[in-house]
C-alpha cells in the first residue's frame, strides 16, 4: 500500500485510482461494501481509499469526548488487508476545510489526485460547511470526467450499519453486536506500556495499554482474543482484560489491562491487538485483595469457556 498525504504533490503512478471516500472509522461492513464497489467500478485501476487525518470531527471539536474506534495505524492495517493499494490520507486543515464543494471536486479529486472513479455513501457531504451532497458530486463528475457511484446505506440485522451504532453497542457492553456490524471483533491496538505491576503481585501479570483518543467501551472485564503483532512473542492468545480506572486502587486514568492465558514472557514495547469478545462484568471495588483474586479466578474460568467457541 502507498500512502499519499498531500493532494498537490502526487506521483504519476498514484493517479487514476478508483476510490472509496469517507472516514472509515472501524472499517465496518458498510465501509467494506463501499471499497468493494470501488474495486468493481474500475477493476483495472489501483484500488484506493480517500480519507482525512485528523478526523474532521476532531478538527472542528477538539474538546469533545474521544470517539474514534481505531487509531490511524490500525485503520491503515485493516485497509491494507482488504486489498487497498492507495491510501489518500489527506491532512485535514483550515485550507482543506475552506474549500467549496466545487473546489474540492476540482482541486482534490480531479486535478490533484486525478481519480478515475469515486464511490460514496448516500449520506455523503463534502466541501465547506458540508454544503455539497451526492447529487452535486455526480454533476461535478460529469463535468470533470470522473465516475461517481452512490452506495446505499447498508442494513444489518440490528438496523443500519454505522460507526455510531457500533459505538453505542460498545458503550452498552455488547461487543458481539458491535462485531456483527464490523465484520470482525472490535480491536484496541497499541503498544504495551509500563504499569504499576500490581498484577504480578496478584498472580495476574497484565499488559497495559493506553486508550487515549479512543471511544471507551463499557468499563469492566472482557473475554478477549489477543494478537501480539511484533517482538519475540508474536502469535495469537486467549485472555481476560479489564477496561477502566481500577476502582480497587483508586485509579483515575482509564486504560486497558490484559492477562494472557498460558503465557510467560515480557511484552513491554510490543504492539498488541486486543479483540473484545464478551463483556463479563462491570468494574467493582472489593473488600479485600483476596476477594478480588477470587473474582479474577472466576473471570478467567468464564473467559476460557467463552473463547473456546469464539
C-alpha atoms as a PDB file:
ATOM      1  CA  UNK A   1       0.000   0.000   0.000  1.00  0.00           C
ATOM      2  CA  UNK A   2       1.188   3.506  -0.852  1.00  0.00           C
ATOM      3  CA  UNK A   3       0.134   6.387   1.417  1.00  0.00           C
ATOM      4  CA  UNK A   4      -0.362   9.873  -0.080  1.00  0.00           C
ATOM      5  CA  UNK A   5      -0.926  12.803   2.277  1.00  0.00           C
ATOM      6  CA  UNK A   6      -0.695  15.860   0.010  1.00  0.00           C
ATOM      7  CA  UNK A   7      -3.049  16.081  -2.948  1.00  0.00           C
ATOM      8  CA  UNK A   8      -0.884  18.783  -4.545  1.00  0.00           C
ATOM      9  CA  UNK A   9       2.154  16.516  -4.942  1.00  0.00           C
ATOM     10  CA  UNK A  10       1.097  13.193  -6.419  1.00  0.00           C
ATOM     11  CA  UNK A  11       3.333  10.820  -8.373  1.00  0.00           C
ATOM     12  CA  UNK A  12       2.037   9.680 -11.796  1.00  0.00           C
ATOM     13  CA  UNK A  13       1.656   6.089 -10.558  1.00  0.00           C
ATOM     14  CA  UNK A  14      -0.628   7.277  -7.760  1.00  0.00           C
ATOM     15  CA  UNK A  15      -3.125   8.912 -10.104  1.00  0.00           C
ATOM     16  CA  UNK A  16      -6.053   7.264 -11.892  1.00  0.00           C
ATOM     17  CA  UNK A  17      -7.296   5.233  -8.928  1.00  0.00           C
ATOM     18  CA  UNK A  18     -10.826   4.122  -8.183  1.00  0.00           C
ATOM     19  CA  UNK A  19     -11.516   5.147  -4.594  1.00  0.00           C
ATOM     20  CA  UNK A  20     -13.990   4.932  -1.774  1.00  0.00           C
ATOM     21  CA  UNK A  21     -14.327   8.224   0.113  1.00  0.00           C
ATOM     22  CA  UNK A  22     -15.098   8.518   3.826  1.00  0.00           C
ATOM     23  CA  UNK A  23     -13.646   8.457   7.331  1.00  0.00           C
ATOM     24  CA  UNK A  24     -13.657   4.655   7.632  1.00  0.00           C
ATOM     25  CA  UNK A  25     -13.619   4.654  11.431  1.00  0.00           C
ATOM     26  CA  UNK A  26     -13.831   0.993  12.366  1.00  0.00           C
ATOM     27  CA  UNK A  27     -13.737  -0.193   8.734  1.00  0.00           C
ATOM     28  CA  UNK A  28     -17.151  -1.816   9.287  1.00  0.00           C
ATOM     29  CA  UNK A  29     -19.241  -3.861   6.855  1.00  0.00           C
ATOM     30  CA  UNK A  30     -20.648  -0.731   5.227  1.00  0.00           C
ATOM     31  CA  UNK A  31     -17.148   0.583   4.608  1.00  0.00           C
ATOM     32  CA  UNK A  32     -16.084  -2.774   3.227  1.00  0.00           C
ATOM     33  CA  UNK A  33     -19.030  -2.779   0.794  1.00  0.00           C
ATOM     34  CA  UNK A  34     -18.096   0.687  -0.496  1.00  0.00           C
ATOM     35  CA  UNK A  35     -14.491  -0.434  -1.026  1.00  0.00           C
ATOM     36  CA  UNK A  36     -15.670  -3.492  -2.978  1.00  0.00           C
ATOM     37  CA  UNK A  37     -17.814  -1.234  -5.173  1.00  0.00           C
ATOM     38  CA  UNK A  38     -14.791   0.940  -5.925  1.00  0.00           C
ATOM     39  CA  UNK A  39     -12.867  -2.150  -6.977  1.00  0.00           C
ATOM     40  CA  UNK A  40     -15.716  -3.368  -9.187  1.00  0.00           C
ATOM     41  CA  UNK A  41     -16.216   0.062 -10.798  1.00  0.00           C
ATOM     42  CA  UNK A  42     -12.721   0.062 -12.345  1.00  0.00           C
ATOM     43  CA  UNK A  43     -11.020  -3.313 -11.816  1.00  0.00           C
ATOM     44  CA  UNK A  44      -8.001  -2.285 -13.905  1.00  0.00           C
ATOM     45  CA  UNK A  45      -7.322   0.830 -11.786  1.00  0.00           C
ATOM     46  CA  UNK A  46      -5.475   0.951  -8.470  1.00  0.00           C
ATOM     47  CA  UNK A  47      -7.909   0.454  -5.588  1.00  0.00           C
ATOM     48  CA  UNK A  48      -7.858   3.398  -3.223  1.00  0.00           C
ATOM     49  CA  UNK A  49      -9.410   4.992  -0.177  1.00  0.00           C
ATOM     50  CA  UNK A  50      -9.650   8.749   0.310  1.00  0.00           C
ATOM     51  CA  UNK A  51      -9.876   9.770   3.947  1.00  0.00           C
ATOM     52  CA  UNK A  52      -8.772  12.548   6.277  1.00  0.00           C
ATOM     53  CA  UNK A  53      -6.456  12.942   9.257  1.00  0.00           C
ATOM     54  CA  UNK A  54      -7.284  14.210  11.758  1.00  0.00           C
ATOM     55  CA  UNK A  55     -10.903  13.152  11.555  1.00  0.00           C
ATOM     56  CA  UNK A  56     -12.925  16.303  10.702  1.00  0.00           C
ATOM     57  CA  UNK A  57     -14.893  15.875  13.924  1.00  0.00           C
ATOM     58  CA  UNK A  58     -11.642  16.059  15.885  1.00  0.00           C
ATOM     59  CA  UNK A  59     -10.613  19.138  13.927  1.00  0.00           C
ATOM     60  CA  UNK A  60     -13.835  21.088  14.478  1.00  0.00           C
ATOM     61  CA  UNK A  61     -14.494  19.908  18.063  1.00  0.00           C
ATOM     62  CA  UNK A  62     -11.113  19.076  19.647  1.00  0.00           C
ATOM     63  CA  UNK A  63     -12.542  19.224  23.180  1.00  0.00           C
ATOM     64  CA  UNK A  64     -15.273  16.646  22.512  1.00  0.00           C
ATOM     65  CA  UNK A  65     -15.022  13.224  24.209  1.00  0.00           C
ATOM     66  CA  UNK A  66     -12.895  10.605  22.400  1.00  0.00           C
ATOM     67  CA  UNK A  67     -14.972   8.845  19.755  1.00  0.00           C
ATOM     68  CA  UNK A  68     -12.603   7.034  17.399  1.00  0.00           C
ATOM     69  CA  UNK A  69     -12.989   3.288  17.129  1.00  0.00           C
ATOM     70  CA  UNK A  70      -9.427   2.840  15.900  1.00  0.00           C
ATOM     71  CA  UNK A  71      -6.190   4.744  15.565  1.00  0.00           C
ATOM     72  CA  UNK A  72      -4.872   5.657  12.125  1.00  0.00           C
ATOM     73  CA  UNK A  73      -2.254   2.882  12.198  1.00  0.00           C
ATOM     74  CA  UNK A  74      -4.903   0.251  12.902  1.00  0.00           C
ATOM     75  CA  UNK A  75      -7.117   1.674  10.153  1.00  0.00           C
ATOM     76  CA  UNK A  76      -4.224   1.533   7.695  1.00  0.00           C
ATOM     77  CA  UNK A  77      -3.538  -2.096   8.574  1.00  0.00           C
ATOM     78  CA  UNK A  78      -7.197  -3.054   8.191  1.00  0.00           C
ATOM     79  CA  UNK A  79      -7.497  -1.305   4.809  1.00  0.00           C
ATOM     80  CA  UNK A  80      -4.359  -2.993   3.530  1.00  0.00           C
ATOM     81  CA  UNK A  81      -5.812  -6.381   4.444  1.00  0.00           C
ATOM     82  CA  UNK A  82      -8.809  -5.510   2.252  1.00  0.00           C
ATOM     83  CA  UNK A  83      -6.546  -5.012  -0.748  1.00  0.00           C
ATOM     84  CA  UNK A  84      -6.406  -1.212  -0.773  1.00  0.00           C
ATOM     85  CA  UNK A  85      -3.384  -0.146  -2.833  1.00  0.00           C
ATOM     86  CA  UNK A  86      -3.532   3.659  -2.456  1.00  0.00           C
ATOM     87  CA  UNK A  87      -4.453   5.367   0.798  1.00  0.00           C
ATOM     88  CA  UNK A  88      -5.022   9.079   0.231  1.00  0.00           C
ATOM     89  CA  UNK A  89      -4.863  10.154   3.875  1.00  0.00           C
ATOM     90  CA  UNK A  90      -5.156  13.895   3.397  1.00  0.00           C
ATOM     91  CA  UNK A  91      -4.183  16.376   6.075  1.00  0.00           C
ATOM     92  CA  UNK A  92      -7.449  17.946   7.225  1.00  0.00           C
ATOM     93  CA  UNK A  93      -6.589  21.565   7.970  1.00  0.00           C
ATOM     94  CA  UNK A  94      -8.035  25.067   7.575  1.00  0.00           C
ATOM     95  CA  UNK A  95      -7.176  25.197   3.879  1.00  0.00           C
ATOM     96  CA  UNK A  96      -8.901  21.917   3.075  1.00  0.00           C
ATOM     97  CA  UNK A  97     -11.890  22.719   5.304  1.00  0.00           C
ATOM     98  CA  UNK A  98     -12.408  26.022   3.490  1.00  0.00           C
ATOM     99  CA  UNK A  99     -12.761  24.502   0.004  1.00  0.00           C
ATOM    100  CA  UNK A 100     -16.213  24.816  -1.532  1.00  0.00           C
ATOM    101  CA  UNK A 101     -17.763  21.643  -2.981  1.00  0.00           C
ATOM    102  CA  UNK A 102     -16.741  22.736  -6.488  1.00  0.00           C
ATOM    103  CA  UNK A 103     -13.188  23.498  -5.344  1.00  0.00           C
ATOM    104  CA  UNK A 104     -12.900  20.163  -3.545  1.00  0.00           C
ATOM    105  CA  UNK A 105     -14.055  18.261  -6.624  1.00  0.00           C
ATOM    106  CA  UNK A 106     -11.829  20.223  -8.980  1.00  0.00           C
ATOM    107  CA  UNK A 107      -8.670  20.720  -6.910  1.00  0.00           C
ATOM    108  CA  UNK A 108      -8.603  17.489  -4.923  1.00  0.00           C
ATOM    109  CA  UNK A 109     -10.454  14.789  -6.862  1.00  0.00           C
ATOM    110  CA  UNK A 110      -9.842  15.906 -10.449  1.00  0.00           C
ATOM    111  CA  UNK A 111      -6.658  17.991 -10.726  1.00  0.00           C
ATOM    112  CA  UNK A 112      -4.832  16.934  -7.566  1.00  0.00           C
ATOM    113  CA  UNK A 113      -5.363  13.171  -7.344  1.00  0.00           C
ATOM    114  CA  UNK A 114      -6.619  12.556 -10.871  1.00  0.00           C
ATOM    115  CA  UNK A 115      -9.119   9.965  -9.680  1.00  0.00           C
ATOM    116  CA  UNK A 116     -10.901   7.860 -12.261  1.00  0.00           C
ATOM    117  CA  UNK A 117     -13.895   6.861 -10.137  1.00  0.00           C
ATOM    118  CA  UNK A 118     -15.227   7.611  -6.651  1.00  0.00           C
ATOM    119  CA  UNK A 119     -17.719   5.719  -4.508  1.00  0.00           C
ATOM    120  CA  UNK A 120     -19.517   7.406  -1.607  1.00  0.00           C
ATOM    121  CA  UNK A 121     -22.354   6.578   0.762  1.00  0.00           C
ATOM    122  CA  UNK A 122     -25.815   8.013   0.175  1.00  0.00           C
ATOM    123  CA  UNK A 123     -25.374  10.414   3.108  1.00  0.00           C
ATOM    124  CA  UNK A 124     -22.007  11.758   1.917  1.00  0.00           C
ATOM    125  CA  UNK A 125     -21.485  15.512   2.315  1.00  0.00           C
ATOM    126  CA  UNK A 126     -18.384  17.465   1.368  1.00  0.00           C
ATOM    127  CA  UNK A 127     -16.956  20.941   0.998  1.00  0.00           C
ATOM    128  CA  UNK A 128     -17.094  23.938   3.310  1.00  0.00           C
ATOM    129  CA  UNK A 129     -19.869  23.552   5.890  1.00  0.00           C
ATOM    130  CA  UNK A 130     -20.694  20.097   4.428  1.00  0.00           C
ATOM    131  CA  UNK A 131     -22.661  22.007   1.790  1.00  0.00           C
ATOM    132  CA  UNK A 132     -22.130  19.557  -1.073  1.00  0.00           C
ATOM    133  CA  UNK A 133     -24.151  16.336  -1.450  1.00  0.00           C
ATOM    134  CA  UNK A 134     -24.089  13.280  -3.691  1.00  0.00           C
ATOM    135  CA  UNK A 135     -26.102  14.998  -6.440  1.00  0.00           C
ATOM    136  CA  UNK A 136     -23.522  17.773  -6.549  1.00  0.00           C
ATOM    137  CA  UNK A 137     -20.714  15.216  -6.699  1.00  0.00           C
ATOM    138  CA  UNK A 138     -22.371  13.397  -9.591  1.00  0.00           C
ATOM    139  CA  UNK A 139     -22.717  16.649 -11.512  1.00  0.00           C
ATOM    140  CA  UNK A 140     -19.072  17.544 -10.895  1.00  0.00           C
ATOM    141  CA  UNK A 141     -18.107  14.075 -12.089  1.00  0.00           C
ATOM    142  CA  UNK A 142     -19.956  14.635 -15.367  1.00  0.00           C
ATOM    143  CA  UNK A 143     -18.265  17.995 -15.833  1.00  0.00           C
ATOM    144  CA  UNK A 144     -14.752  16.900 -14.931  1.00  0.00           C
ATOM    145  CA  UNK A 145     -14.697  13.363 -16.243  1.00  0.00           C
ATOM    146  CA  UNK A 146     -14.606  11.120 -13.181  1.00  0.00           C
ATOM    147  CA  UNK A 147     -17.186   8.438 -12.442  1.00  0.00           C
ATOM    148  CA  UNK A 148     -19.374   8.542  -9.325  1.00  0.00           C
ATOM    149  CA  UNK A 149     -21.198   5.658  -7.649  1.00  0.00           C
ATOM    150  CA  UNK A 150     -23.539   6.271  -4.719  1.00  0.00           C
ATOM    151  CA  UNK A 151     -23.773   3.300  -2.356  1.00  0.00           C
ATOM    152  CA  UNK A 152     -26.966   2.626  -0.445  1.00  0.00           C
ATOM    153  CA  UNK A 153     -26.553   2.582   3.319  1.00  0.00           C
ATOM    154  CA  UNK A 154     -26.085  -0.989   4.493  1.00  0.00           C
ATOM    155  CA  UNK A 155     -28.744  -2.542   6.712  1.00  0.00           C
ATOM    156  CA  UNK A 156     -27.745  -5.239   9.179  1.00  0.00           C
ATOM    157  CA  UNK A 157     -29.819  -7.465  11.450  1.00  0.00           C
ATOM    158  CA  UNK A 158     -29.745  -4.750  14.111  1.00  0.00           C
ATOM    159  CA  UNK A 159     -30.508  -1.845  11.789  1.00  0.00           C
ATOM    160  CA  UNK A 160     -28.332   0.476   9.754  1.00  0.00           C
ATOM    161  CA  UNK A 161     -24.629  -0.332   9.898  1.00  0.00           C
ATOM    162  CA  UNK A 162     -22.773   2.723  11.178  1.00  0.00           C
ATOM    163  CA  UNK A 163     -19.875   3.765  13.358  1.00  0.00           C
ATOM    164  CA  UNK A 164     -22.389   5.461  15.667  1.00  0.00           C
ATOM    165  CA  UNK A 165     -24.319   2.217  16.188  1.00  0.00           C
ATOM    166  CA  UNK A 166     -21.068   0.381  16.876  1.00  0.00           C
ATOM    167  CA  UNK A 167     -20.039   2.963  19.485  1.00  0.00           C
ATOM    168  CA  UNK A 168     -23.431   2.586  21.174  1.00  0.00           C
ATOM    169  CA  UNK A 169     -23.091  -1.202  21.312  1.00  0.00           C
ATOM    170  CA  UNK A 170     -19.627  -0.927  22.858  1.00  0.00           C
ATOM    171  CA  UNK A 171     -20.769   1.690  25.389  1.00  0.00           C
ATOM    172  CA  UNK A 172     -23.522  -0.701  26.481  1.00  0.00           C
ATOM    173  CA  UNK A 173     -21.202  -3.690  26.842  1.00  0.00           C
ATOM    174  CA  UNK A 174     -22.412  -5.502  23.704  1.00  0.00           C
ATOM    175  CA  UNK A 175     -19.198  -6.346  21.824  1.00  0.00           C
ATOM    176  CA  UNK A 176     -20.835  -9.160  19.847  1.00  0.00           C
ATOM    177  CA  UNK A 177     -23.404  -6.715  18.445  1.00  0.00           C
ATOM    178  CA  UNK A 178     -20.550  -4.369  17.530  1.00  0.00           C
ATOM    179  CA  UNK A 179     -18.729  -7.261  15.833  1.00  0.00           C
ATOM    180  CA  UNK A 180     -21.842  -8.104  13.810  1.00  0.00           C
ATOM    181  CA  UNK A 181     -21.641  -4.654  12.221  1.00  0.00           C
ATOM    182  CA  UNK A 182     -17.867  -4.524  11.979  1.00  0.00           C
ATOM    183  CA  UNK A 183     -17.466  -7.937  10.386  1.00  0.00           C
ATOM    184  CA  UNK A 184     -14.683  -8.586  12.899  1.00  0.00           C
ATOM    185  CA  UNK A 185     -14.099  -8.258  16.634  1.00  0.00           C
ATOM    186  CA  UNK A 186     -13.695  -4.700  17.841  1.00  0.00           C
ATOM    187  CA  UNK A 187      -9.989  -4.396  18.496  1.00  0.00           C
ATOM    188  CA  UNK A 188      -7.919  -1.979  20.528  1.00  0.00           C
ATOM    189  CA  UNK A 189      -4.408  -1.792  19.152  1.00  0.00           C
ATOM    190  CA  UNK A 190      -1.378  -0.210  20.749  1.00  0.00           C
ATOM    191  CA  UNK A 191       1.961  -0.635  22.442  1.00  0.00           C
ATOM    192  CA  UNK A 192       2.367  -2.198  25.863  1.00  0.00           C
ATOM    193  CA  UNK A 193       3.407   0.437  28.377  1.00  0.00           C
ATOM    194  CA  UNK A 194       4.775   0.246  31.890  1.00  0.00           C
ATOM    195  CA  UNK A 195       2.254  -0.143  34.688  1.00  0.00           C
ATOM    196  CA  UNK A 196       2.347  -0.317  38.465  1.00  0.00           C
ATOM    197  CA  UNK A 197       2.911  -4.109  38.353  1.00  0.00           C
ATOM    198  CA  UNK A 198       0.119  -4.857  40.810  1.00  0.00           C
ATOM    199  CA  UNK A 199      -0.950  -7.733  38.568  1.00  0.00           C
ATOM    200  CA  UNK A 200       2.284  -9.589  39.254  1.00  0.00           C
ATOM    201  CA  UNK A 201       1.648  -9.363  42.989  1.00  0.00           C
ATOM    202  CA  UNK A 202      -1.903 -10.691  42.493  1.00  0.00           C
ATOM    203  CA  UNK A 203      -0.721 -13.551  40.302  1.00  0.00           C
ATOM    204  CA  UNK A 204      -2.172 -11.966  37.173  1.00  0.00           C
ATOM    205  CA  UNK A 205       0.550 -10.030  35.314  1.00  0.00           C
ATOM    206  CA  UNK A 206      -1.071  -7.801  32.716  1.00  0.00           C
ATOM    207  CA  UNK A 207      -0.051  -5.995  29.554  1.00  0.00           C
ATOM    208  CA  UNK A 208      -1.090  -2.361  29.987  1.00  0.00           C
ATOM    209  CA  UNK A 209      -2.178  -0.189  27.055  1.00  0.00           C
ATOM    210  CA  UNK A 210      -3.420   3.370  26.731  1.00  0.00           C
ATOM    211  CA  UNK A 211      -6.897   4.034  25.348  1.00  0.00           C
ATOM    212  CA  UNK A 212      -6.298   7.791  24.978  1.00  0.00           C
ATOM    213  CA  UNK A 213      -8.115   9.216  21.976  1.00  0.00           C
ATOM    214  CA  UNK A 214     -10.331   6.168  21.541  1.00  0.00           C
ATOM    215  CA  UNK A 215     -14.006   5.597  22.195  1.00  0.00           C
ATOM    216  CA  UNK A 216     -14.326   3.976  25.607  1.00  0.00           C
ATOM    217  CA  UNK A 217     -16.227   0.692  25.718  1.00  0.00           C
ATOM    218  CA  UNK A 218     -18.231  -0.053  28.857  1.00  0.00           C
ATOM    219  CA  UNK A 219     -15.810  -0.247  31.764  1.00  0.00           C
ATOM    220  CA  UNK A 220     -15.368  -3.744  33.102  1.00  0.00           C
ATOM    221  CA  UNK A 221     -13.890  -7.162  32.393  1.00  0.00           C
ATOM    222  CA  UNK A 222     -13.961  -8.868  28.990  1.00  0.00           C
ATOM    223  CA  UNK A 223     -13.063 -12.191  27.424  1.00  0.00           C
ATOM    224  CA  UNK A 224     -10.572 -11.247  24.706  1.00  0.00           C
ATOM    225  CA  UNK A 225      -8.618 -12.582  21.752  1.00  0.00           C
ATOM    226  CA  UNK A 226      -5.118 -11.128  21.629  1.00  0.00           C
ATOM    227  CA  UNK A 227      -2.725 -10.829  18.706  1.00  0.00           C
ATOM    228  CA  UNK A 228       0.868  -9.969  19.594  1.00  0.00           C
ATOM    229  CA  UNK A 229       1.951  -8.216  16.407  1.00  0.00           C
ATOM    230  CA  UNK A 230       5.694  -7.847  16.920  1.00  0.00           C
ATOM    231  CA  UNK A 231       8.560  -8.805  19.169  1.00  0.00           C
ATOM    232  CA  UNK A 232       9.676 -12.311  20.251  1.00  0.00           C
ATOM    233  CA  UNK A 233       6.192 -13.462  21.279  1.00  0.00           C
ATOM    234  CA  UNK A 234       4.307 -12.877  18.025  1.00  0.00           C
ATOM    235  CA  UNK A 235       1.179 -15.006  17.955  1.00  0.00           C
ATOM    236  CA  UNK A 236      -2.452 -15.362  18.963  1.00  0.00           C
ATOM    237  CA  UNK A 237      -3.588 -15.831  22.539  1.00  0.00           C
ATOM    238  CA  UNK A 238      -6.721 -16.040  24.658  1.00  0.00           C
ATOM    239  CA  UNK A 239      -7.112 -13.821  27.678  1.00  0.00           C
ATOM    240  CA  UNK A 240      -9.154 -11.654  30.000  1.00  0.00           C
ATOM    241  CA  UNK A 241      -8.930  -7.875  30.014  1.00  0.00           C
ATOM    242  CA  UNK A 242     -10.080  -5.005  32.179  1.00  0.00           C
ATOM    243  CA  UNK A 243     -11.005  -1.610  30.761  1.00  0.00           C
ATOM    244  CA  UNK A 244     -11.445   1.239  33.198  1.00  0.00           C
ATOM    245  CA  UNK A 245      -9.947   3.145  36.096  1.00  0.00           C
ATOM    246  CA  UNK A 246      -9.234   0.313  38.587  1.00  0.00           C
ATOM    247  CA  UNK A 247     -11.513   1.449  41.470  1.00  0.00           C
ATOM    248  CA  UNK A 248      -9.887  -1.062  43.819  1.00  0.00           C
ATOM    249  CA  UNK A 249      -6.702   1.027  43.593  1.00  0.00           C
ATOM    250  CA  UNK A 250      -8.263   4.498  43.260  1.00  0.00           C
ATOM    251  CA  UNK A 251      -7.240   4.822  39.631  1.00  0.00           C
ATOM    252  CA  UNK A 252      -8.167   7.907  37.646  1.00  0.00           C
ATOM    253  CA  UNK A 253      -6.942   7.498  34.058  1.00  0.00           C
ATOM    254  CA  UNK A 254      -8.721   4.763  32.087  1.00  0.00           C
ATOM    255  CA  UNK A 255      -6.583   2.125  30.431  1.00  0.00           C
ATOM    256  CA  UNK A 256      -6.667  -1.447  29.151  1.00  0.00           C
ATOM    257  CA  UNK A 257      -5.027  -4.248  31.136  1.00  0.00           C
ATOM    258  CA  UNK A 258      -4.839  -7.690  29.520  1.00  0.00           C
ATOM    259  CA  UNK A 259      -3.905 -11.014  31.084  1.00  0.00           C
ATOM    260  CA  UNK A 260      -2.836 -13.632  28.531  1.00  0.00           C
ATOM    261  CA  UNK A 261      -3.662 -17.215  29.390  1.00  0.00           C
ATOM    262  CA  UNK A 262      -0.833 -19.739  29.460  1.00  0.00           C
ATOM    263  CA  UNK A 263       1.766 -17.102  28.638  1.00  0.00           C
ATOM    264  CA  UNK A 264       5.151 -16.381  30.110  1.00  0.00           C
ATOM    265  CA  UNK A 265       7.340 -13.577  28.873  1.00  0.00           C
ATOM    266  CA  UNK A 266       7.940  -9.842  28.678  1.00  0.00           C
ATOM    267  CA  UNK A 267       5.625  -7.836  26.405  1.00  0.00           C
ATOM    268  CA  UNK A 268       6.865  -4.314  27.190  1.00  0.00           C
ATOM    269  CA  UNK A 269       7.098  -2.316  23.983  1.00  0.00           C
ATOM    270  CA  UNK A 270       5.281  -4.932  21.901  1.00  0.00           C
ATOM    271  CA  UNK A 271       2.235  -3.984  19.826  1.00  0.00           C
ATOM    272  CA  UNK A 272      -0.944  -5.809  20.810  1.00  0.00           C
ATOM    273  CA  UNK A 273      -4.319  -6.030  19.137  1.00  0.00           C
ATOM    274  CA  UNK A 274      -6.944  -6.899  21.751  1.00  0.00           C
ATOM    275  CA  UNK A 275     -10.299  -8.096  20.403  1.00  0.00           C
ATOM    276  CA  UNK A 276     -13.311  -7.726  22.712  1.00  0.00           C
ATOM    277  CA  UNK A 277     -15.439 -10.887  22.577  1.00  0.00           C
ATOM    278  CA  UNK A 278     -17.769 -10.811  25.561  1.00  0.00           C
ATOM    279  CA  UNK A 279     -18.455  -8.490  28.489  1.00  0.00           C
ATOM    280  CA  UNK A 280     -18.164 -10.446  31.755  1.00  0.00           C
ATOM    281  CA  UNK A 281     -18.900  -7.892  34.473  1.00  0.00           C
ATOM    282  CA  UNK A 282     -18.581  -4.244  35.399  1.00  0.00           C
ATOM    283  CA  UNK A 283     -15.845  -2.668  37.465  1.00  0.00           C
ATOM    284  CA  UNK A 284     -16.077  -3.299  41.205  1.00  0.00           C
ATOM    285  CA  UNK A 285     -14.330  -2.291  44.391  1.00  0.00           C
ATOM    286  CA  UNK A 286     -13.790  -5.362  46.548  1.00  0.00           C
ATOM    287  CA  UNK A 287     -13.491  -5.606  50.311  1.00  0.00           C
ATOM    288  CA  UNK A 288     -10.068  -7.241  50.143  1.00  0.00           C
ATOM    289  CA  UNK A 289      -7.366  -8.367  47.744  1.00  0.00           C
ATOM    290  CA  UNK A 290      -8.347 -11.975  48.399  1.00  0.00           C
ATOM    291  CA  UNK A 291     -11.883 -11.212  47.240  1.00  0.00           C
ATOM    292  CA  UNK A 292     -10.501  -9.537  44.117  1.00  0.00           C
ATOM    293  CA  UNK A 293      -8.259 -12.507  43.331  1.00  0.00           C
ATOM    294  CA  UNK A 294     -11.165 -14.929  43.783  1.00  0.00           C
ATOM    295  CA  UNK A 295     -13.238 -12.902  41.335  1.00  0.00           C
ATOM    296  CA  UNK A 296     -10.361 -12.777  38.851  1.00  0.00           C
ATOM    297  CA  UNK A 297     -10.069 -16.554  39.084  1.00  0.00           C
ATOM    298  CA  UNK A 298     -13.754 -16.826  38.233  1.00  0.00           C
ATOM    299  CA  UNK A 299     -13.458 -14.300  35.404  1.00  0.00           C
ATOM    300  CA  UNK A 300     -10.681 -16.307  33.776  1.00  0.00           C
ATOM    301  CA  UNK A 301     -12.580 -19.600  34.040  1.00  0.00           C
ATOM    302  CA  UNK A 302     -15.582 -17.985  32.322  1.00  0.00           C
ATOM    303  CA  UNK A 303     -13.426 -16.341  29.681  1.00  0.00           C
ATOM    304  CA  UNK A 304     -11.679 -19.615  28.810  1.00  0.00           C
ATOM    305  CA  UNK A 305     -15.029 -21.334  28.227  1.00  0.00           C
ATOM    306  CA  UNK A 306     -16.311 -18.470  26.065  1.00  0.00           C
ATOM    307  CA  UNK A 307     -13.171 -18.210  23.948  1.00  0.00           C
ATOM    308  CA  UNK A 308     -13.114 -21.911  23.053  1.00  0.00           C
ATOM    309  CA  UNK A 309     -16.141 -21.161  20.868  1.00  0.00           C
ATOM    310  CA  UNK A 310     -15.082 -17.692  19.641  1.00  0.00           C
END
